[in-house]
Amino acid sequence: MINRELEFKDSILAQQLFGPQENYLKFLTKRLGVEISSRGNKLFLSSESREKVDIACNFLIQMYELLRHGFTVHPPDFDYALTYLENYPSADLGKLFKEKFFAISPKKTISPKTIVQKEYLDAIRDSEVVFAIGPAGTGKTYLAVAMAVSFLLQKKVKRLILTRPALEAGEKLGFLPGDILEKVNPYLRPLYDALHDMLDFKKVQELMDSGVIEVAPLAFMRGRTLNRSFIILDEAQNTTSEQMKMFLTRLGYGSRAIITGDVTQIDLPIDKTSGLIEAEKVLKNIKGIRFIYFSKKDVIRHKLVGEIIDAYERYQNKNNS
């Protein structure tokens, strides 16, 4: 059994670190399987795994230092920081939180929760075209919308355009009532959700009514030149080669485009090439275009999402072997 002892000088900060009714310590015990008991400002940790004890001690020491420098610990921060340290044991949490990016929005402040998320936000700031490729739950679309709202409110762009392909916009949707926008709205719902998380509903509606924000299926992009715009193409793995080329050539003066997708979840007919996969091969070495790759380590939804992704990967590998 590996045993460690930690002592924190400031009793007030120590209690903040332990959490109400020591809930943060209980959370650590559940996540890492490390037994933790307290006596005043001291903690006693024990586990059969040296690695788990090292992670717990490193985490508690770093979080205490953040508290000492004025950082307020909220439950989501505690959870994300632990996930971050589990994935990157040598990471500096102070650097992560002190250099965090805040999206300028009345409703939200946004910060990267993984190294790749930070790289992604930096790429969006510095590059005109960014491809974000990786599994669900890694924040590809959400962070892109956050940056788009920030650019819009800082008047770095005049318009925000959110688009995604609607695979069934022809045949099957034809049986549904309403015009084309009403038919494809279910496909655009995730973009609306992210947008409403950044801005008040009334503000979003006002900006959409004035044309400053546009949420539309990819087919609506054809024939346009988009100047001073922040354009996000979501679910890009479901674009055809022709659609991807059409989208990328819409980029006008003072604009930037973010293309997000998961190449493991392509819903195109088997005889169609994914525009995202082709673009990755064709555009890889063009200056001004960045490719950011997320992995299951960057999943920041409920912890079960990462475990679900792992389970499906194991199942698929087993069946393909």
C-alpha atoms as a PDB file:
ATOM      1  CA  MET A   1       0.000   0.000   0.000  1.00  0.00           C
ATOM      2  CA  ILE A   2       1.326   3.441  -0.973  1.00  0.00           C
ATOM      3  CA  ASN A   3       0.759   6.139   1.658  1.00  0.00           C
ATOM      4  CA  ARG A   4       1.285   9.898   1.365  1.00  0.00           C
ATOM      5  CA  GLU A   5       0.657  12.878   3.606  1.00  0.00           C
ATOM      6  CA  LEU A   6      -0.043  16.450   2.491  1.00  0.00           C
ATOM      7  CA  GLU A   7      -0.303  19.567   4.636  1.00  0.00           C
ATOM      8  CA  PHE A   8      -1.705  22.936   3.574  1.00  0.00           C
ATOM      9  CA  LYS A   9      -0.747  26.061   5.525  1.00  0.00           C
ATOM     10  CA  ASP A  10      -3.864  28.159   4.925  1.00  0.00           C
ATOM     11  CA  SER A  11      -6.848  26.539   6.658  1.00  0.00           C
ATOM     12  CA  ILE A  12      -9.432  28.603   4.739  1.00  0.00           C
ATOM     13  CA  LEU A  13      -7.962  27.650   1.375  1.00  0.00           C
ATOM     14  CA  ALA A  14      -7.634  24.053   2.529  1.00  0.00           C
ATOM     15  CA  GLN A  15     -11.357  23.909   3.239  1.00  0.00           C
ATOM     16  CA  GLN A  16     -12.098  25.377  -0.191  1.00  0.00           C
ATOM     17  CA  LEU A  17      -9.864  22.699  -1.699  1.00  0.00           C
ATOM     18  CA  PHE A  18     -11.589  19.909   0.223  1.00  0.00           C
ATOM     19  CA  GLY A  19     -15.011  21.228  -0.829  1.00  0.00           C
ATOM     20  CA  PRO A  20     -18.340  21.488   1.041  1.00  0.00           C
ATOM     21  CA  GLN A  21     -18.641  18.413   3.282  1.00  0.00           C
ATOM     22  CA  GLU A  22     -15.333  17.380   1.689  1.00  0.00           C
ATOM     23  CA  ASN A  23     -17.181  16.615  -1.545  1.00  0.00           C
ATOM     24  CA  TYR A  24     -14.107  17.286  -3.691  1.00  0.00           C
ATOM     25  CA  LEU A  25     -12.108  14.732  -1.708  1.00  0.00           C
ATOM     26  CA  LYS A  26     -14.927  12.212  -2.067  1.00  0.00           C
ATOM     27  CA  PHE A  27     -14.959  12.918  -5.791  1.00  0.00           C
ATOM     28  CA  LEU A  28     -11.203  12.258  -5.964  1.00  0.00           C
ATOM     29  CA  THR A  29     -11.617   8.986  -4.092  1.00  0.00           C
ATOM     30  CA  LYS A  30     -14.349   7.837  -6.474  1.00  0.00           C
ATOM     31  CA  ARG A  31     -12.473   8.846  -9.626  1.00  0.00           C
ATOM     32  CA  LEU A  32      -8.991   7.630  -8.715  1.00  0.00           C
ATOM     33  CA  GLY A  33      -9.686   4.901  -6.190  1.00  0.00           C
ATOM     34  CA  VAL A  34      -7.440   6.625  -3.641  1.00  0.00           C
ATOM     35  CA  GLU A  35      -8.537   6.632  -0.009  1.00  0.00           C
ATOM     36  CA  ILE A  36      -8.322  10.165   1.405  1.00  0.00           C
ATOM     37  CA  SER A  37      -8.883  11.211   5.008  1.00  0.00           C
ATOM     38  CA  SER A  38      -8.417  14.643   6.575  1.00  0.00           C
ATOM     39  CA  ARG A  39      -7.275  15.922   9.927  1.00  0.00           C
ATOM     40  CA  GLY A  40      -7.380  19.695  10.096  1.00  0.00           C
ATOM     41  CA  ASN A  41      -5.205  20.987   7.243  1.00  0.00           C
ATOM     42  CA  LYS A  42      -3.623  17.593   6.657  1.00  0.00           C
ATOM     43  CA  LEU A  43      -4.596  14.928   4.159  1.00  0.00           C
ATOM     44  CA  PHE A  44      -3.665  11.269   4.267  1.00  0.00           C
ATOM     45  CA  LEU A  45      -3.768   9.389   0.967  1.00  0.00           C
ATOM     46  CA  SER A  46      -3.399   5.672   0.365  1.00  0.00           C
ATOM     47  CA  SER A  47      -3.771   3.289  -2.570  1.00  0.00           C
ATOM     48  CA  GLU A  48      -2.241   0.186  -4.028  1.00  0.00           C
ATOM     49  CA  SER A  49      -1.425   2.232  -7.134  1.00  0.00           C
ATOM     50  CA  ARG A  50       1.550   4.578  -6.887  1.00  0.00           C
ATOM     51  CA  GLU A  51       0.446   6.245 -10.127  1.00  0.00           C
ATOM     52  CA  LYS A  52      -3.004   7.100  -8.723  1.00  0.00           C
ATOM     53  CA  VAL A  53      -1.530   8.483  -5.500  1.00  0.00           C
ATOM     54  CA  ASP A  54       0.937  10.588  -7.512  1.00  0.00           C
ATOM     55  CA  ILE A  55      -1.877  12.012  -9.654  1.00  0.00           C
ATOM     56  CA  ALA A  56      -4.011  12.798  -6.570  1.00  0.00           C
ATOM     57  CA  CYS A  57      -1.119  14.523  -4.753  1.00  0.00           C
ATOM     58  CA  ASN A  58      -0.049  16.456  -7.835  1.00  0.00           C
ATOM     59  CA  PHE A  59      -3.634  17.532  -8.460  1.00  0.00           C
ATOM     60  CA  LEU A  60      -4.258  18.690  -4.876  1.00  0.00           C
ATOM     61  CA  ILE A  61      -0.978  20.600  -4.682  1.00  0.00           C
ATOM     62  CA  GLN A  62      -1.580  22.376  -7.994  1.00  0.00           C
ATOM     63  CA  MET A  63      -5.204  23.205  -7.197  1.00  0.00           C
ATOM     64  CA  TYR A  64      -4.153  24.613  -3.825  1.00  0.00           C
ATOM     65  CA  GLU A  65      -1.641  26.868  -5.588  1.00  0.00           C
ATOM     66  CA  LEU A  66      -4.381  28.089  -7.911  1.00  0.00           C
ATOM     67  CA  LEU A  67      -6.548  28.929  -4.907  1.00  0.00           C
ATOM     68  CA  ARG A  68      -3.610  30.704  -3.292  1.00  0.00           C
ATOM     69  CA  HIS A  69      -3.291  32.915  -6.369  1.00  0.00           C
ATOM     70  CA  GLY A  70      -6.966  33.891  -6.302  1.00  0.00           C
ATOM     71  CA  PHE A  71      -8.523  31.282  -8.587  1.00  0.00           C
ATOM     72  CA  THR A  72     -11.995  30.191  -7.458  1.00  0.00           C
ATOM     73  CA  VAL A  73     -12.657  26.467  -7.771  1.00  0.00           C
ATOM     74  CA  HIS A  74     -16.050  25.491  -9.164  1.00  0.00           C
ATOM     75  CA  PRO A  75     -17.164  21.853  -9.521  1.00  0.00           C
ATOM     76  CA  PRO A  76     -16.786  21.860 -13.351  1.00  0.00           C
ATOM     77  CA  ASP A  77     -13.255  23.311 -13.022  1.00  0.00           C
ATOM     78  CA  PHE A  78     -12.378  20.618 -10.506  1.00  0.00           C
ATOM     79  CA  ASP A  79     -13.686  17.880 -12.780  1.00  0.00           C
ATOM     80  CA  TYR A  80     -12.055  19.211 -15.958  1.00  0.00           C
ATOM     81  CA  ALA A  81      -8.716  19.873 -14.238  1.00  0.00           C
ATOM     82  CA  LEU A  82      -8.572  16.317 -12.920  1.00  0.00           C
ATOM     83  CA  THR A  83      -9.434  14.890 -16.344  1.00  0.00           C
ATOM     84  CA  TYR A  84      -6.733  17.088 -17.853  1.00  0.00           C
ATOM     85  CA  LEU A  85      -4.123  15.894 -15.360  1.00  0.00           C
ATOM     86  CA  GLU A  86      -5.134  12.252 -15.826  1.00  0.00           C
ATOM     87  CA  ASN A  87      -4.477  12.621 -19.550  1.00  0.00           C
ATOM     88  CA  TYR A  88      -1.362  14.795 -19.172  1.00  0.00           C
ATOM     89  CA  PRO A  89       0.282  13.926 -15.807  1.00  0.00           C
ATOM     90  CA  SER A  90       3.115  16.438 -16.240  1.00  0.00           C
ATOM     91  CA  ALA A  91       0.795  19.329 -17.150  1.00  0.00           C
ATOM     92  CA  ASP A  92       0.948  22.691 -15.399  1.00  0.00           C
ATOM     93  CA  LEU A  93      -2.627  23.471 -14.330  1.00  0.00           C
ATOM     94  CA  GLY A  94      -1.607  27.003 -13.391  1.00  0.00           C
ATOM     95  CA  LYS A  95      -0.503  27.679 -16.944  1.00  0.00           C
ATOM     96  CA  LEU A  96      -3.711  26.188 -18.306  1.00  0.00           C
ATOM     97  CA  PHE A  97      -6.029  28.319 -16.182  1.00  0.00           C
ATOM     98  CA  LYS A  98      -3.977  31.524 -16.119  1.00  0.00           C
ATOM     99  CA  GLU A  99      -3.668  31.590 -19.898  1.00  0.00           C
ATOM    100  CA  LYS A 100      -7.239  30.600 -20.547  1.00  0.00           C
ATOM    101  CA  PHE A 101      -9.121  32.339 -23.331  1.00  0.00           C
ATOM    102  CA  PHE A 102     -12.380  34.073 -22.538  1.00  0.00           C
ATOM    103  CA  ALA A 103     -14.966  34.342 -25.272  1.00  0.00           C
ATOM    104  CA  ILE A 104     -16.497  37.784 -25.018  1.00  0.00           C
ATOM    105  CA  SER A 105     -20.161  37.033 -24.488  1.00  0.00           C
ATOM    106  CA  PRO A 106     -22.662  38.403 -21.976  1.00  0.00           C
ATOM    107  CA  LYS A 107     -23.696  34.859 -21.080  1.00  0.00           C
ATOM    108  CA  LYS A 108     -20.498  32.842 -21.245  1.00  0.00           C
ATOM    109  CA  THR A 109     -16.798  32.799 -20.578  1.00  0.00           C
ATOM    110  CA  ILE A 110     -15.027  29.987 -22.388  1.00  0.00           C
ATOM    111  CA  SER A 111     -11.678  28.423 -21.599  1.00  0.00           C
ATOM    112  CA  PRO A 112      -9.808  25.456 -23.078  1.00  0.00           C
ATOM    113  CA  LYS A 113      -9.982  22.307 -20.985  1.00  0.00           C
ATOM    114  CA  THR A 114      -7.286  20.312 -22.825  1.00  0.00           C
ATOM    115  CA  ILE A 115      -4.019  21.040 -24.578  1.00  0.00           C
ATOM    116  CA  VAL A 116      -5.614  20.341 -27.973  1.00  0.00           C
ATOM    117  CA  GLN A 117      -8.499  22.722 -27.204  1.00  0.00           C
ATOM    118  CA  LYS A 118      -5.966  25.453 -26.441  1.00  0.00           C
ATOM    119  CA  GLU A 119      -4.144  24.665 -29.695  1.00  0.00           C
ATOM    120  CA  TYR A 120      -7.503  24.838 -31.486  1.00  0.00           C
ATOM    121  CA  LEU A 121      -8.402  28.266 -30.077  1.00  0.00           C
ATOM    122  CA  ASP A 122      -4.926  29.578 -30.930  1.00  0.00           C
ATOM    123  CA  ALA A 123      -5.285  28.239 -34.472  1.00  0.00           C
ATOM    124  CA  ILE A 124      -8.680  29.941 -34.912  1.00  0.00           C
ATOM    125  CA  ARG A 125      -7.195  33.247 -33.781  1.00  0.00           C
ATOM    126  CA  ASP A 126      -4.169  32.968 -36.064  1.00  0.00           C
ATOM    127  CA  SER A 127      -5.368  31.142 -39.189  1.00  0.00           C
ATOM    128  CA  GLU A 128      -7.989  31.918 -41.822  1.00  0.00           C
ATOM    129  CA  VAL A 129      -9.023  28.306 -42.347  1.00  0.00           C
ATOM    130  CA  VAL A 130      -9.013  25.681 -39.579  1.00  0.00           C
ATOM    131  CA  PHE A 131     -10.084  22.048 -39.814  1.00  0.00           C
ATOM    132  CA  ALA A 132     -11.017  20.387 -36.501  1.00  0.00           C
ATOM    133  CA  ILE A 133     -11.217  16.605 -36.748  1.00  0.00           C
ATOM    134  CA  GLY A 134     -12.123  14.266 -33.898  1.00  0.00           C
ATOM    135  CA  PRO A 135     -14.831  12.450 -31.928  1.00  0.00           C
ATOM    136  CA  ALA A 136     -18.013  13.832 -30.396  1.00  0.00           C
ATOM    137  CA  GLY A 137     -17.736  15.661 -27.097  1.00  0.00           C
ATOM    138  CA  THR A 138     -14.375  17.309 -27.746  1.00  0.00           C
ATOM    139  CA  GLY A 139     -15.790  20.824 -28.144  1.00  0.00           C
ATOM    140  CA  LYS A 140     -15.047  21.248 -31.856  1.00  0.00           C
ATOM    141  CA  THR A 141     -18.308  23.018 -32.725  1.00  0.00           C
ATOM    142  CA  TYR A 142     -18.960  24.610 -29.351  1.00  0.00           C
ATOM    143  CA  LEU A 143     -15.568  26.349 -29.190  1.00  0.00           C
ATOM    144  CA  ALA A 144     -15.856  27.439 -32.827  1.00  0.00           C
ATOM    145  CA  VAL A 145     -19.218  29.091 -32.082  1.00  0.00           C
ATOM    146  CA  ALA A 146     -17.713  30.715 -28.966  1.00  0.00           C
ATOM    147  CA  MET A 147     -14.883  32.193 -31.017  1.00  0.00           C
ATOM    148  CA  ALA A 148     -17.315  33.275 -33.732  1.00  0.00           C
ATOM    149  CA  VAL A 149     -19.470  35.137 -31.210  1.00  0.00           C
ATOM    150  CA  SER A 150     -16.347  36.730 -29.744  1.00  0.00           C
ATOM    151  CA  PHE A 151     -15.169  37.901 -33.193  1.00  0.00           C
ATOM    152  CA  LEU A 152     -18.630  39.244 -33.975  1.00  0.00           C
ATOM    153  CA  LEU A 153     -19.031  41.179 -30.726  1.00  0.00           C
ATOM    154  CA  GLN A 154     -15.518  42.609 -31.084  1.00  0.00           C
ATOM    155  CA  LYS A 155     -16.499  43.717 -34.616  1.00  0.00           C
ATOM    156  CA  LYS A 156     -13.661  41.734 -36.182  1.00  0.00           C
ATOM    157  CA  VAL A 157     -16.262  40.331 -38.587  1.00  0.00           C
ATOM    158  CA  LYS A 158     -19.640  41.626 -39.725  1.00  0.00           C
ATOM    159  CA  ARG A 159     -21.474  38.327 -40.066  1.00  0.00           C
ATOM    160  CA  LEU A 160     -21.627  34.904 -38.484  1.00  0.00           C
ATOM    161  CA  ILE A 161     -22.680  32.006 -40.701  1.00  0.00           C
ATOM    162  CA  LEU A 162     -23.296  28.511 -39.333  1.00  0.00           C
ATOM    163  CA  THR A 163     -23.924  25.706 -41.793  1.00  0.00           C
ATOM    164  CA  ARG A 164     -23.968  21.947 -42.082  1.00  0.00           C
ATOM    165  CA  PRO A 165     -24.952  19.449 -44.763  1.00  0.00           C
ATOM    166  CA  ALA A 166     -28.503  18.066 -44.648  1.00  0.00           C
ATOM    167  CA  LEU A 167     -28.085  14.613 -46.106  1.00  0.00           C
ATOM    168  CA  GLU A 168     -31.777  13.989 -46.679  1.00  0.00           C
ATOM    169  CA  ALA A 169     -32.698  17.461 -47.926  1.00  0.00           C
ATOM    170  CA  GLY A 170     -33.985  15.934 -51.135  1.00  0.00           C
ATOM    171  CA  GLU A 171     -35.901  12.714 -51.247  1.00  0.00           C
ATOM    172  CA  LYS A 172     -36.999  11.827 -47.698  1.00  0.00           C
ATOM    173  CA  LEU A 173     -37.498  15.346 -46.401  1.00  0.00           C
ATOM    174  CA  GLY A 174     -39.794  16.032 -49.318  1.00  0.00           C
ATOM    175  CA  PHE A 175     -42.559  14.215 -47.496  1.00  0.00           C
ATOM    176  CA  LEU A 176     -42.375  16.555 -44.497  1.00  0.00           C
ATOM    177  CA  PRO A 177     -44.597  19.666 -44.295  1.00  0.00           C
ATOM    178  CA  GLY A 178     -43.207  23.181 -44.588  1.00  0.00           C
ATOM    179  CA  ASP A 179     -40.646  24.987 -46.720  1.00  0.00           C
ATOM    180  CA  ILE A 180     -37.019  23.895 -47.118  1.00  0.00           C
ATOM    181  CA  LEU A 181     -35.826  25.786 -44.011  1.00  0.00           C
ATOM    182  CA  GLU A 182     -38.460  24.112 -41.847  1.00  0.00           C
ATOM    183  CA  LYS A 183     -37.467  20.726 -43.267  1.00  0.00           C
ATOM    184  CA  VAL A 184     -33.742  21.093 -42.567  1.00  0.00           C
ATOM    185  CA  ASN A 185     -34.107  22.806 -39.180  1.00  0.00           C
ATOM    186  CA  PRO A 186     -33.657  19.525 -37.251  1.00  0.00           C
ATOM    187  CA  TYR A 187     -30.223  19.177 -38.879  1.00  0.00           C
ATOM    188  CA  LEU A 188     -29.261  22.687 -37.753  1.00  0.00           C
ATOM    189  CA  ARG A 189     -30.516  22.321 -34.170  1.00  0.00           C
ATOM    190  CA  PRO A 190     -27.062  21.652 -32.606  1.00  0.00           C
ATOM    191  CA  LEU A 191     -25.815  24.943 -34.043  1.00  0.00           C
ATOM    192  CA  TYR A 192     -28.778  26.833 -32.597  1.00  0.00           C
ATOM    193  CA  ASP A 193     -28.150  25.178 -29.220  1.00  0.00           C
ATOM    194  CA  ALA A 194     -24.529  26.318 -29.118  1.00  0.00           C
ATOM    195  CA  LEU A 195     -25.511  29.816 -30.221  1.00  0.00           C
ATOM    196  CA  HIS A 196     -28.185  30.174 -27.540  1.00  0.00           C
ATOM    197  CA  ASP A 197     -25.663  29.074 -24.937  1.00  0.00           C
ATOM    198  CA  MET A 198     -23.518  32.103 -25.829  1.00  0.00           C
ATOM    199  CA  LEU A 199     -26.158  34.803 -26.285  1.00  0.00           C
ATOM    200  CA  ASP A 200     -29.630  35.561 -24.963  1.00  0.00           C
ATOM    201  CA  PHE A 201     -32.439  34.157 -27.078  1.00  0.00           C
ATOM    202  CA  LYS A 202     -33.749  37.647 -27.840  1.00  0.00           C
ATOM    203  CA  LYS A 203     -30.304  38.824 -28.987  1.00  0.00           C
ATOM    204  CA  VAL A 204     -29.865  35.775 -31.229  1.00  0.00           C
ATOM    205  CA  GLN A 205     -33.279  36.367 -32.793  1.00  0.00           C
ATOM    206  CA  GLU A 206     -32.512  40.047 -33.333  1.00  0.00           C
ATOM    207  CA  LEU A 207     -29.179  39.255 -35.037  1.00  0.00           C
ATOM    208  CA  MET A 208     -30.786  36.564 -37.179  1.00  0.00           C
ATOM    209  CA  ASP A 209     -33.645  38.852 -38.234  1.00  0.00           C
ATOM    210  CA  SER A 210     -31.117  41.478 -39.339  1.00  0.00           C
ATOM    211  CA  GLY A 211     -29.025  38.886 -41.217  1.00  0.00           C
ATOM    212  CA  VAL A 212     -25.966  39.340 -39.002  1.00  0.00           C
ATOM    213  CA  ILE A 213     -26.268  35.704 -37.921  1.00  0.00           C
ATOM    214  CA  GLU A 214     -27.316  33.100 -40.456  1.00  0.00           C
ATOM    215  CA  VAL A 215     -27.937  29.413 -39.787  1.00  0.00           C
ATOM    216  CA  ALA A 216     -28.527  27.570 -43.036  1.00  0.00           C
ATOM    217  CA  PRO A 217     -27.982  24.253 -44.818  1.00  0.00           C
ATOM    218  CA  LEU A 218     -24.809  23.972 -46.870  1.00  0.00           C
ATOM    219  CA  ALA A 219     -26.716  24.060 -50.170  1.00  0.00           C
ATOM    220  CA  PHE A 220     -27.570  27.731 -49.440  1.00  0.00           C
ATOM    221  CA  MET A 221     -23.858  28.661 -49.698  1.00  0.00           C
ATOM    222  CA  ARG A 222     -23.621  27.964 -53.432  1.00  0.00           C
ATOM    223  CA  GLY A 223     -22.866  30.963 -55.650  1.00  0.00           C
ATOM    224  CA  ARG A 224     -22.051  33.341 -52.778  1.00  0.00           C
ATOM    225  CA  THR A 225     -18.904  35.236 -51.819  1.00  0.00           C
ATOM    226  CA  LEU A 226     -18.746  35.827 -48.073  1.00  0.00           C
ATOM    227  CA  ASN A 227     -16.705  38.865 -47.019  1.00  0.00           C
ATOM    228  CA  ARG A 228     -15.924  39.892 -43.405  1.00  0.00           C
ATOM    229  CA  SER A 229     -17.648  36.722 -42.197  1.00  0.00           C
ATOM    230  CA  PHE A 230     -16.930  34.012 -39.655  1.00  0.00           C
ATOM    231  CA  ILE A 231     -18.175  30.791 -41.255  1.00  0.00           C
ATOM    232  CA  ILE A 232     -18.514  27.436 -39.500  1.00  0.00           C
ATOM    233  CA  LEU A 233     -19.135  24.235 -41.432  1.00  0.00           C
ATOM    234  CA  ASP A 234     -20.245  21.534 -38.995  1.00  0.00           C
ATOM    235  CA  GLU A 235     -20.494  17.751 -39.634  1.00  0.00           C
ATOM    236  CA  ALA A 236     -18.126  18.228 -42.570  1.00  0.00           C
ATOM    237  CA  GLN A 237     -17.481  14.489 -42.862  1.00  0.00           C
ATOM    238  CA  ASN A 238     -20.879  14.315 -44.568  1.00  0.00           C
ATOM    239  CA  THR A 239     -19.981  16.749 -47.339  1.00  0.00           C
ATOM    240  CA  THR A 240     -19.172  15.385 -50.756  1.00  0.00           C
ATOM    241  CA  SER A 241     -15.961  16.348 -52.511  1.00  0.00           C
ATOM    242  CA  GLU A 242     -17.886  18.862 -54.632  1.00  0.00           C
ATOM    243  CA  GLN A 243     -19.641  20.406 -51.631  1.00  0.00           C
ATOM    244  CA  MET A 244     -16.388  20.876 -49.718  1.00  0.00           C
ATOM    245  CA  LYS A 245     -14.718  22.590 -52.675  1.00  0.00           C
ATOM    246  CA  MET A 246     -17.799  24.780 -53.145  1.00  0.00           C
ATOM    247  CA  PHE A 247     -17.762  25.774 -49.458  1.00  0.00           C
ATOM    248  CA  LEU A 248     -14.055  26.588 -49.288  1.00  0.00           C
ATOM    249  CA  THR A 249     -14.239  28.781 -52.373  1.00  0.00           C
ATOM    250  CA  ARG A 250     -16.964  30.940 -50.771  1.00  0.00           C
ATOM    251  CA  LEU A 251     -14.330  32.552 -48.533  1.00  0.00           C
ATOM    252  CA  GLY A 252     -14.071  36.275 -49.182  1.00  0.00           C
ATOM    253  CA  TYR A 253     -11.971  39.188 -47.956  1.00  0.00           C
ATOM    254  CA  GLY A 254     -11.551  39.436 -44.175  1.00  0.00           C
ATOM    255  CA  SER A 255     -13.283  36.096 -43.549  1.00  0.00           C
ATOM    256  CA  ARG A 256     -12.292  32.911 -41.817  1.00  0.00           C
ATOM    257  CA  ALA A 257     -13.721  29.416 -41.982  1.00  0.00           C
ATOM    258  CA  ILE A 258     -13.811  26.657 -39.384  1.00  0.00           C
ATOM    259  CA  ILE A 259     -14.592  23.154 -40.605  1.00  0.00           C
ATOM    260  CA  THR A 260     -15.439  20.495 -38.020  1.00  0.00           C
ATOM    261  CA  GLY A 261     -16.110  16.796 -38.402  1.00  0.00           C
ATOM    262  CA  ASP A 262     -15.612  13.236 -37.238  1.00  0.00           C
ATOM    263  CA  VAL A 263     -14.236  10.968 -39.977  1.00  0.00           C
ATOM    264  CA  THR A 264     -15.394   7.867 -38.068  1.00  0.00           C
ATOM    265  CA  GLN A 265     -19.054   8.856 -38.460  1.00  0.00           C
ATOM    266  CA  ILE A 266     -19.580   9.312 -42.197  1.00  0.00           C
ATOM    267  CA  ASP A 267     -23.205   8.900 -43.323  1.00  0.00           C
ATOM    268  CA  LEU A 268     -22.638   9.381 -47.052  1.00  0.00           C
ATOM    269  CA  PRO A 269     -23.584   6.673 -49.554  1.00  0.00           C
ATOM    270  CA  ILE A 270     -20.772   4.158 -49.979  1.00  0.00           C
ATOM    271  CA  ASP A 271     -19.977   5.380 -53.499  1.00  0.00           C
ATOM    272  CA  LYS A 272     -19.399   8.990 -52.323  1.00  0.00           C
ATOM    273  CA  THR A 273     -16.028  10.325 -51.118  1.00  0.00           C
ATOM    274  CA  SER A 274     -16.100  12.418 -47.938  1.00  0.00           C
ATOM    275  CA  GLY A 275     -15.105  15.993 -48.707  1.00  0.00           C
ATOM    276  CA  LEU A 276     -13.422  16.226 -45.300  1.00  0.00           C
ATOM    277  CA  ILE A 277     -11.158  13.228 -45.896  1.00  0.00           C
ATOM    278  CA  GLU A 278     -10.259  14.492 -49.358  1.00  0.00           C
ATOM    279  CA  ALA A 279      -9.564  18.038 -48.093  1.00  0.00           C
ATOM    280  CA  GLU A 280      -7.225  16.608 -45.463  1.00  0.00           C
ATOM    281  CA  LYS A 281      -5.139  15.052 -48.249  1.00  0.00           C
ATOM    282  CA  VAL A 282      -5.338  17.948 -50.717  1.00  0.00           C
ATOM    283  CA  LEU A 283      -4.858  20.968 -48.418  1.00  0.00           C
ATOM    284  CA  LYS A 284      -2.459  19.615 -45.812  1.00  0.00           C
ATOM    285  CA  ASN A 285       0.555  21.707 -46.843  1.00  0.00           C
ATOM    286  CA  ILE A 286      -1.104  25.018 -47.733  1.00  0.00           C
ATOM    287  CA  LYS A 287       0.086  27.924 -45.606  1.00  0.00           C
ATOM    288  CA  GLY A 288      -2.740  29.585 -43.677  1.00  0.00           C
ATOM    289  CA  ILE A 289      -4.710  26.344 -43.318  1.00  0.00           C
ATOM    290  CA  ARG A 290      -4.433  24.452 -40.016  1.00  0.00           C
ATOM    291  CA  PHE A 291      -5.551  20.943 -39.141  1.00  0.00           C
ATOM    292  CA  ILE A 292      -6.263  20.240 -35.463  1.00  0.00           C
ATOM    293  CA  TYR A 293      -6.809  16.644 -34.372  1.00  0.00           C
ATOM    294  CA  PHE A 294      -8.838  15.775 -31.282  1.00  0.00           C
ATOM    295  CA  SER A 295      -8.835  12.362 -29.613  1.00  0.00           C
ATOM    296  CA  LYS A 296     -10.825  10.612 -26.898  1.00  0.00           C
ATOM    297  CA  LYS A 297      -8.499  12.315 -24.375  1.00  0.00           C
ATOM    298  CA  ASP A 298     -10.190  15.605 -25.296  1.00  0.00           C
ATOM    299  CA  VAL A 299     -13.761  14.439 -24.619  1.00  0.00           C
ATOM    300  CA  ILE A 300     -15.160  16.857 -22.034  1.00  0.00           C
ATOM    301  CA  ARG A 301     -18.782  15.834 -21.813  1.00  0.00           C
ATOM    302  CA  HIS A 302     -19.893  13.416 -19.146  1.00  0.00           C
ATOM    303  CA  LYS A 303     -17.110  10.936 -18.303  1.00  0.00           C
ATOM    304  CA  LEU A 304     -19.304   8.166 -19.713  1.00  0.00           C
ATOM    305  CA  VAL A 305     -18.972   9.649 -23.208  1.00  0.00           C
ATOM    306  CA  GLY A 306     -15.275   8.791 -23.229  1.00  0.00           C
ATOM    307  CA  GLU A 307     -16.022   5.296 -21.973  1.00  0.00           C
ATOM    308  CA  ILE A 308     -18.719   4.847 -24.656  1.00  0.00           C
ATOM    309  CA  ILE A 309     -16.218   5.873 -27.360  1.00  0.00           C
ATOM    310  CA  ASP A 310     -13.695   3.371 -25.942  1.00  0.00           C
ATOM    311  CA  ALA A 311     -16.289   0.590 -25.865  1.00  0.00           C
ATOM    312  CA  TYR A 312     -17.286   1.158 -29.498  1.00  0.00           C
ATOM    313  CA  GLU A 313     -13.617   1.240 -30.582  1.00  0.00           C
ATOM    314  CA  ARG A 314     -12.952  -2.078 -28.833  1.00  0.00           C
ATOM    315  CA  TYR A 315     -16.077  -3.595 -30.379  1.00  0.00           C
ATOM    316  CA  GLN A 316     -15.203  -2.399 -33.891  1.00  0.00           C
ATOM    317  CA  ASN A 317     -11.577  -3.528 -33.595  1.00  0.00           C
ATOM    318  CA  LYS A 318     -12.720  -6.939 -32.411  1.00  0.00           C
ATOM    319  CA  ASN A 319     -15.160  -7.335 -35.322  1.00  0.00           C
ATOM    320  CA  ASN A 320     -12.658  -6.080 -37.892  1.00  0.00           C
ATOM    321  CA  SER A 321      -9.881  -8.393 -36.757  1.00  0.00           C
END
